[in-house]
Structure formats: structure tokens, C-alpha cells
N, C-alpha and C. Protein backbone atom coordinates (compact mmCIF):
# COMPACT_ATOMS: atom_id res chain seq x y z
N UNK A 1 5.39 -18.62 42.36
CA UNK A 1 4.93 -18.12 41.09
C UNK A 1 3.57 -18.76 40.80
N UNK A 2 2.67 -17.97 40.30
CA UNK A 2 1.33 -18.47 39.99
C UNK A 2 0.97 -18.20 38.53
N UNK A 3 0.32 -19.19 37.94
CA UNK A 3 -0.16 -19.02 36.57
C UNK A 3 -1.50 -18.29 36.64
N UNK A 4 -1.61 -17.20 35.90
CA UNK A 4 -2.85 -16.43 35.82
C UNK A 4 -3.56 -16.86 34.54
N UNK A 5 -4.71 -17.49 34.71
CA UNK A 5 -5.49 -17.94 33.56
C UNK A 5 -6.26 -16.74 33.03
N UNK A 6 -5.76 -16.16 31.95
CA UNK A 6 -6.33 -14.92 31.44
C UNK A 6 -6.87 -15.02 30.02
N UNK A 7 -6.55 -16.09 29.30
CA UNK A 7 -6.98 -16.23 27.91
C UNK A 7 -8.48 -15.99 27.78
N UNK A 8 -8.85 -15.07 26.88
CA UNK A 8 -10.25 -14.78 26.62
C UNK A 8 -10.89 -13.78 27.57
N UNK A 9 -10.19 -13.41 28.63
CA UNK A 9 -10.74 -12.42 29.57
C UNK A 9 -10.41 -11.02 29.08
N UNK A 10 -11.21 -10.05 29.50
CA UNK A 10 -10.98 -8.67 29.07
C UNK A 10 -11.17 -7.71 30.25
N UNK A 11 -10.68 -6.49 30.06
CA UNK A 11 -10.84 -5.44 31.06
C UNK A 11 -10.83 -4.10 30.35
N UNK A 12 -11.37 -3.08 31.01
CA UNK A 12 -11.36 -1.74 30.44
C UNK A 12 -10.10 -1.04 30.91
N UNK A 13 -9.32 -0.60 29.95
CA UNK A 13 -8.08 0.10 30.22
C UNK A 13 -8.31 1.58 29.94
N UNK A 14 -8.08 2.43 30.93
CA UNK A 14 -8.36 3.85 30.79
C UNK A 14 -9.72 4.16 31.39
N UNK A 15 -10.27 5.31 31.01
CA UNK A 15 -11.55 5.74 31.60
C UNK A 15 -12.34 6.58 30.61
N UNK A 16 -13.65 6.52 30.74
CA UNK A 16 -14.53 7.37 29.94
C UNK A 16 -15.17 8.46 30.79
N UNK A 17 -14.78 8.52 32.04
CA UNK A 17 -15.30 9.51 32.98
C UNK A 17 -14.80 10.90 32.60
N UNK A 18 -15.69 11.88 32.46
CA UNK A 18 -15.24 13.23 32.06
C UNK A 18 -14.28 13.87 33.08
N UNK A 19 -14.26 13.36 34.30
CA UNK A 19 -13.36 13.92 35.31
C UNK A 19 -11.97 13.27 35.27
N UNK A 20 -11.79 12.25 34.47
CA UNK A 20 -10.48 11.61 34.36
C UNK A 20 -9.56 12.49 33.51
N UNK A 21 -8.26 12.33 33.71
CA UNK A 21 -7.31 13.16 32.97
C UNK A 21 -7.26 12.73 31.50
N UNK A 22 -6.79 13.63 30.66
CA UNK A 22 -6.77 13.41 29.21
C UNK A 22 -5.95 12.18 28.83
N UNK A 23 -4.87 11.89 29.59
CA UNK A 23 -4.05 10.73 29.23
C UNK A 23 -4.66 9.40 29.64
N UNK A 24 -5.81 9.43 30.30
CA UNK A 24 -6.54 8.21 30.65
C UNK A 24 -7.70 7.94 29.71
N UNK A 25 -7.99 8.86 28.81
CA UNK A 25 -9.13 8.75 27.92
C UNK A 25 -8.66 8.42 26.50
N UNK A 26 -9.45 7.78 25.71
CA UNK A 26 -10.71 7.14 26.07
C UNK A 26 -10.47 5.76 26.67
N UNK A 27 -11.45 5.26 27.37
CA UNK A 27 -11.38 3.90 27.87
C UNK A 27 -11.49 2.93 26.69
N UNK A 28 -10.76 1.84 26.75
CA UNK A 28 -10.84 0.85 25.68
C UNK A 28 -10.77 -0.54 26.28
N UNK A 29 -11.41 -1.47 25.63
CA UNK A 29 -11.40 -2.84 26.10
C UNK A 29 -10.16 -3.55 25.58
N UNK A 30 -9.43 -4.17 26.50
CA UNK A 30 -8.26 -4.96 26.15
C UNK A 30 -8.57 -6.41 26.48
N UNK A 31 -8.17 -7.31 25.60
CA UNK A 31 -8.45 -8.74 25.77
C UNK A 31 -7.15 -9.52 25.78
N UNK A 32 -7.05 -10.45 26.74
CA UNK A 32 -5.88 -11.32 26.82
C UNK A 32 -6.01 -12.46 25.81
N UNK A 33 -4.92 -12.74 25.12
CA UNK A 33 -4.89 -13.86 24.17
C UNK A 33 -4.02 -15.00 24.69
N UNK A 34 -3.53 -14.86 25.94
CA UNK A 34 -2.66 -15.87 26.53
C UNK A 34 -2.74 -15.82 28.05
N UNK A 35 -2.33 -16.89 28.69
CA UNK A 35 -2.18 -16.92 30.14
C UNK A 35 -0.78 -16.41 30.47
N UNK A 36 -0.55 -16.01 31.72
CA UNK A 36 0.78 -15.54 32.09
C UNK A 36 1.09 -15.93 33.54
N UNK A 37 2.35 -15.80 33.89
CA UNK A 37 2.84 -16.13 35.23
C UNK A 37 3.15 -14.85 35.98
N UNK A 38 2.88 -14.86 37.30
CA UNK A 38 3.11 -13.68 38.13
C UNK A 38 3.75 -14.11 39.44
N UNK A 39 4.69 -13.32 39.91
CA UNK A 39 5.36 -13.62 41.17
C UNK A 39 5.45 -12.35 42.00
N UNK A 40 5.76 -12.50 43.28
CA UNK A 40 5.86 -11.36 44.18
C UNK A 40 7.28 -10.84 44.29
N UNK A 41 8.23 -11.52 43.65
CA UNK A 41 9.63 -11.11 43.67
C UNK A 41 10.16 -11.08 42.25
N UNK A 42 11.36 -10.52 42.09
CA UNK A 42 11.99 -10.53 40.78
C UNK A 42 12.19 -11.95 40.30
N UNK A 43 12.11 -12.15 39.02
CA UNK A 43 12.31 -13.46 38.42
C UNK A 43 13.72 -13.49 37.84
N UNK A 44 14.49 -14.54 38.15
CA UNK A 44 15.83 -14.66 37.58
C UNK A 44 15.75 -15.20 36.16
N UNK A 45 16.87 -15.03 35.43
CA UNK A 45 16.95 -15.57 34.07
C UNK A 45 16.70 -17.08 34.08
N UNK A 46 17.26 -17.76 35.09
CA UNK A 46 17.10 -19.21 35.19
C UNK A 46 15.64 -19.60 35.42
N UNK A 47 14.94 -18.89 36.31
CA UNK A 47 13.52 -19.19 36.54
C UNK A 47 12.71 -18.95 35.28
N UNK A 48 13.01 -17.85 34.58
CA UNK A 48 12.32 -17.55 33.33
C UNK A 48 12.51 -18.67 32.32
N UNK A 49 13.75 -19.13 32.19
CA UNK A 49 14.06 -20.22 31.26
C UNK A 49 13.34 -21.50 31.65
N UNK A 50 13.29 -21.82 32.94
CA UNK A 50 12.60 -23.02 33.40
C UNK A 50 11.11 -22.98 33.10
N UNK A 51 10.49 -21.81 33.21
CA UNK A 51 9.04 -21.69 32.98
C UNK A 51 8.70 -21.62 31.50
N UNK A 52 9.47 -20.83 30.74
CA UNK A 52 9.12 -20.60 29.33
C UNK A 52 9.82 -21.52 28.35
N UNK A 53 10.96 -22.11 28.79
CA UNK A 53 11.71 -22.96 27.88
C UNK A 53 12.63 -22.18 26.95
N UNK A 54 12.70 -20.85 27.11
CA UNK A 54 13.61 -20.05 26.27
C UNK A 54 14.41 -19.11 27.16
N UNK A 55 15.57 -18.73 26.66
CA UNK A 55 16.42 -17.81 27.40
C UNK A 55 16.18 -16.39 26.92
N UNK A 56 15.95 -15.45 27.84
CA UNK A 56 15.69 -14.06 27.43
C UNK A 56 16.94 -13.33 26.95
N UNK A 57 18.13 -13.77 27.36
CA UNK A 57 19.39 -13.18 26.90
C UNK A 57 20.39 -14.31 26.66
N UNK A 58 21.42 -14.08 25.86
CA UNK A 58 22.43 -15.12 25.64
C UNK A 58 23.11 -15.51 26.96
N UNK A 59 23.47 -16.79 27.15
CA UNK A 59 24.08 -17.25 28.39
C UNK A 59 25.36 -16.50 28.76
N UNK A 60 26.13 -16.03 27.79
CA UNK A 60 27.38 -15.32 28.07
C UNK A 60 27.17 -13.86 28.47
N UNK A 61 25.94 -13.39 28.40
CA UNK A 61 25.64 -11.99 28.72
C UNK A 61 25.90 -11.69 30.19
N UNK A 62 26.26 -10.45 30.48
CA UNK A 62 26.44 -10.01 31.88
C UNK A 62 25.11 -10.06 32.62
N UNK A 63 24.01 -10.16 31.89
CA UNK A 63 22.69 -10.24 32.49
C UNK A 63 22.15 -11.66 32.45
N UNK A 64 23.03 -12.65 32.40
CA UNK A 64 22.65 -14.05 32.22
C UNK A 64 22.10 -14.75 33.45
N UNK A 65 22.19 -16.08 33.43
CA UNK A 65 21.63 -16.97 34.44
C UNK A 65 21.97 -16.47 35.85
N UNK A 66 20.97 -16.46 36.73
CA UNK A 66 21.16 -16.03 38.11
C UNK A 66 20.84 -14.57 38.34
N UNK A 67 20.78 -13.78 37.27
CA UNK A 67 20.48 -12.36 37.38
C UNK A 67 18.98 -12.14 37.19
N UNK A 68 18.43 -11.05 37.79
CA UNK A 68 17.01 -10.76 37.56
C UNK A 68 16.76 -10.42 36.09
N UNK A 69 15.53 -10.67 35.65
CA UNK A 69 15.12 -10.27 34.30
C UNK A 69 15.23 -8.75 34.24
N UNK A 70 15.81 -8.24 33.19
CA UNK A 70 16.01 -6.79 33.08
C UNK A 70 15.81 -6.36 31.65
N UNK A 71 14.84 -5.48 31.42
CA UNK A 71 14.63 -4.92 30.10
C UNK A 71 14.20 -5.91 29.05
N UNK A 72 13.55 -7.00 29.45
CA UNK A 72 13.12 -8.02 28.50
C UNK A 72 11.77 -7.64 27.96
């Protein structure tokens, strides 16, 4: 897992190109207000809790510790 230092960075989301489809227009600038973590595999509830310090679902849930993050 890698921490992506994104705070204060921005990117253009969408397009202003007349050849782009209507659902891609207009382009707008989006800015990150926080850093985030990224991995190449699914993240388990336990890994999420270890990194963030909070549990995404109650421990008794069928989607609890050991299961991939789902619908969070």
C-alpha cells in the first residue's frame, strides 16, 4: 500500500474538447483536500482499520474483519 500525497494538487476532470461526448463536458478542475492510500489488491476491513484507525462496518457484520471493503 502506498500513500499518495495529493493535498493541494488538482486535475481537470472531464473535457472541453468539442469532439468529446456530452457526458464528459464541461471539463472542471478538481482539487484534493487530503492525501490517500492506494493498493493493487482489495483492502480487507482489518487493513482499513489499521491504516485509518476506524472500522468501516460493525465488527459483528457479515462484512467484518478479514473481508474485503465492500460498498464503503
